[in-house]
Amino acid sequence: MEPVRDAIYHEQLARVARLKASATDDPFLAVRLREAAIRHERMARKLRRDSA
């Protein structure tokens, strides 16, 4: 895929992970989902930076 489309994909994954984290009652799962969201956001920023 193109770098911009990859970045959008990772941003969407981060958004879904944050939504699931806020919807769960398990605090440990919420932390893991937020950590995954952070990793996806970092990857999206990296892809946008590399494509510029």
N, C-alpha and C. Protein backbone atom coordinates (compact mmCIF):
# COMPACT_ATOMS: atom_id res chain seq x y z
N MET A 1 0.84 -1.20 0.00
CA MET A 1 0.00 0.00 0.00
C MET A 1 0.88 1.25 0.00
N GLU A 2 0.24 2.34 -0.31
CA GLU A 2 0.96 3.61 -0.31
C GLU A 2 1.23 4.05 1.13
N PRO A 3 2.29 4.81 1.36
CA PRO A 3 2.60 5.25 2.72
C PRO A 3 1.47 6.05 3.38
N VAL A 4 0.79 6.89 2.62
CA VAL A 4 -0.28 7.69 3.21
C VAL A 4 -1.44 6.79 3.60
N ARG A 5 -1.79 5.85 2.74
CA ARG A 5 -2.86 4.91 3.06
C ARG A 5 -2.48 4.03 4.24
N ASP A 6 -1.20 3.65 4.33
CA ASP A 6 -0.74 2.89 5.49
C ASP A 6 -0.89 3.72 6.76
N ALA A 7 -0.56 4.99 6.68
CA ALA A 7 -0.67 5.86 7.85
C ALA A 7 -2.12 5.99 8.29
N ILE A 8 -3.02 6.13 7.34
CA ILE A 8 -4.44 6.22 7.67
C ILE A 8 -4.90 4.92 8.32
N TYR A 9 -4.45 3.80 7.81
CA TYR A 9 -4.81 2.50 8.35
C TYR A 9 -4.37 2.39 9.82
N HIS A 10 -3.14 2.79 10.11
CA HIS A 10 -2.64 2.73 11.49
C HIS A 10 -3.36 3.71 12.39
N GLU A 11 -3.74 4.87 11.87
CA GLU A 11 -4.53 5.81 12.67
C GLU A 11 -5.89 5.22 13.01
N GLN A 12 -6.49 4.50 12.07
CA GLN A 12 -7.78 3.86 12.33
C GLN A 12 -7.64 2.75 13.36
N LEU A 13 -6.57 1.98 13.27
CA LEU A 13 -6.33 0.94 14.27
C LEU A 13 -6.17 1.55 15.66
N ALA A 14 -5.47 2.66 15.75
CA ALA A 14 -5.29 3.33 17.04
C ALA A 14 -6.63 3.82 17.59
N ARG A 15 -7.46 4.37 16.72
CA ARG A 15 -8.75 4.88 17.16
C ARG A 15 -9.63 3.74 17.69
N VAL A 16 -9.65 2.63 16.98
CA VAL A 16 -10.44 1.48 17.42
C VAL A 16 -9.92 0.93 18.73
N ALA A 17 -8.61 0.87 18.89
CA ALA A 17 -8.03 0.37 20.14
C ALA A 17 -8.41 1.28 21.30
N ARG A 18 -8.39 2.59 21.08
CA ARG A 18 -8.80 3.51 22.16
C ARG A 18 -10.28 3.39 22.48
N LEU A 19 -11.11 3.19 21.47
CA LEU A 19 -12.55 3.00 21.73
C LEU A 19 -12.79 1.72 22.52
N LYS A 20 -12.09 0.65 22.17
CA LYS A 20 -12.25 -0.60 22.91
C LYS A 20 -11.72 -0.47 24.33
N ALA A 21 -10.64 0.29 24.50
CA ALA A 21 -10.08 0.49 25.84
C ALA A 21 -11.07 1.24 26.73
N SER A 22 -11.75 2.21 26.18
CA SER A 22 -12.70 2.96 27.00
C SER A 22 -13.98 2.17 27.26
N ALA A 23 -14.26 1.15 26.44
CA ALA A 23 -15.48 0.37 26.60
C ALA A 23 -15.31 -0.83 27.54
N THR A 24 -14.09 -1.23 27.83
CA THR A 24 -13.88 -2.43 28.64
C THR A 24 -13.89 -2.11 30.13
N ASP A 25 -14.25 -3.13 30.92
CA ASP A 25 -14.25 -2.99 32.38
C ASP A 25 -12.95 -3.49 32.99
N ASP A 26 -12.17 -4.21 32.21
CA ASP A 26 -10.92 -4.78 32.69
C ASP A 26 -9.81 -3.73 32.60
N PRO A 27 -9.27 -3.27 33.73
CA PRO A 27 -8.25 -2.21 33.68
C PRO A 27 -6.96 -2.65 33.00
N PHE A 28 -6.60 -3.92 33.13
CA PHE A 28 -5.36 -4.41 32.51
C PHE A 28 -5.50 -4.47 30.99
N LEU A 29 -6.65 -4.90 30.54
CA LEU A 29 -6.91 -4.92 29.10
C LEU A 29 -6.92 -3.51 28.54
N ALA A 30 -7.50 -2.58 29.29
CA ALA A 30 -7.55 -1.19 28.84
C ALA A 30 -6.14 -0.62 28.67
N VAL A 31 -5.26 -0.94 29.59
CA VAL A 31 -3.88 -0.46 29.49
C VAL A 31 -3.20 -1.04 28.26
N ARG A 32 -3.39 -2.34 28.02
CA ARG A 32 -2.78 -2.98 26.86
C ARG A 32 -3.30 -2.40 25.55
N LEU A 33 -4.61 -2.11 25.51
CA LEU A 33 -5.19 -1.52 24.30
C LEU A 33 -4.66 -0.11 24.07
N ARG A 34 -4.50 0.65 25.15
CA ARG A 34 -3.95 2.01 25.00
C ARG A 34 -2.50 1.96 24.55
N GLU A 35 -1.74 0.98 25.04
CA GLU A 35 -0.36 0.83 24.58
C GLU A 35 -0.32 0.48 23.10
N ALA A 36 -1.23 -0.37 22.66
CA ALA A 36 -1.30 -0.72 21.24
C ALA A 36 -1.67 0.51 20.41
N ALA A 37 -2.57 1.33 20.93
CA ALA A 37 -2.96 2.55 20.22
C ALA A 37 -1.76 3.48 20.07
N ILE A 38 -0.96 3.58 21.09
CA ILE A 38 0.24 4.44 21.03
C ILE A 38 1.20 3.91 19.97
N ARG A 39 1.38 2.59 19.91
CA ARG A 39 2.27 2.01 18.89
C ARG A 39 1.74 2.28 17.49
N HIS A 40 0.45 2.17 17.30
CA HIS A 40 -0.13 2.44 15.98
C HIS A 40 0.02 3.91 15.61
N GLU A 41 -0.17 4.81 16.58
CA GLU A 41 -0.02 6.24 16.29
C GLU A 41 1.43 6.57 15.93
N ARG A 42 2.36 5.97 16.62
CA ARG A 42 3.78 6.19 16.30
C ARG A 42 4.12 5.71 14.90
N MET A 43 3.58 4.54 14.55
CA MET A 43 3.83 4.01 13.21
C MET A 43 3.22 4.91 12.15
N ALA A 44 2.03 5.44 12.41
CA ALA A 44 1.38 6.34 11.45
C ALA A 44 2.22 7.60 11.26
N ARG A 45 2.72 8.16 12.36
CA ARG A 45 3.56 9.36 12.26
C ARG A 45 4.84 9.05 11.50
N LYS A 46 5.43 7.88 11.76
CA LYS A 46 6.66 7.49 11.05
C LYS A 46 6.40 7.36 9.56
N LEU A 47 5.29 6.71 9.19
CA LEU A 47 4.98 6.55 7.77
C LEU A 47 4.74 7.90 7.08
N ARG A 48 4.06 8.80 7.77
CA ARG A 48 3.83 10.13 7.19
C ARG A 48 5.15 10.89 7.04
N ARG A 49 6.03 10.74 8.03
CA ARG A 49 7.32 11.42 7.98
C ARG A 49 8.18 10.86 6.86
N ASP A 50 8.17 9.55 6.68
CA ASP A 50 8.98 8.92 5.64
C ASP A 50 8.46 9.23 4.23
N SER A 51 7.16 9.46 4.11
CA SER A 51 6.61 9.72 2.78
C SER A 51 6.81 11.17 2.35
N ALA A 52 7.12 12.04 3.29
CA ALA A 52 7.29 13.46 2.96
C ALA A 52 8.65 13.76 2.40
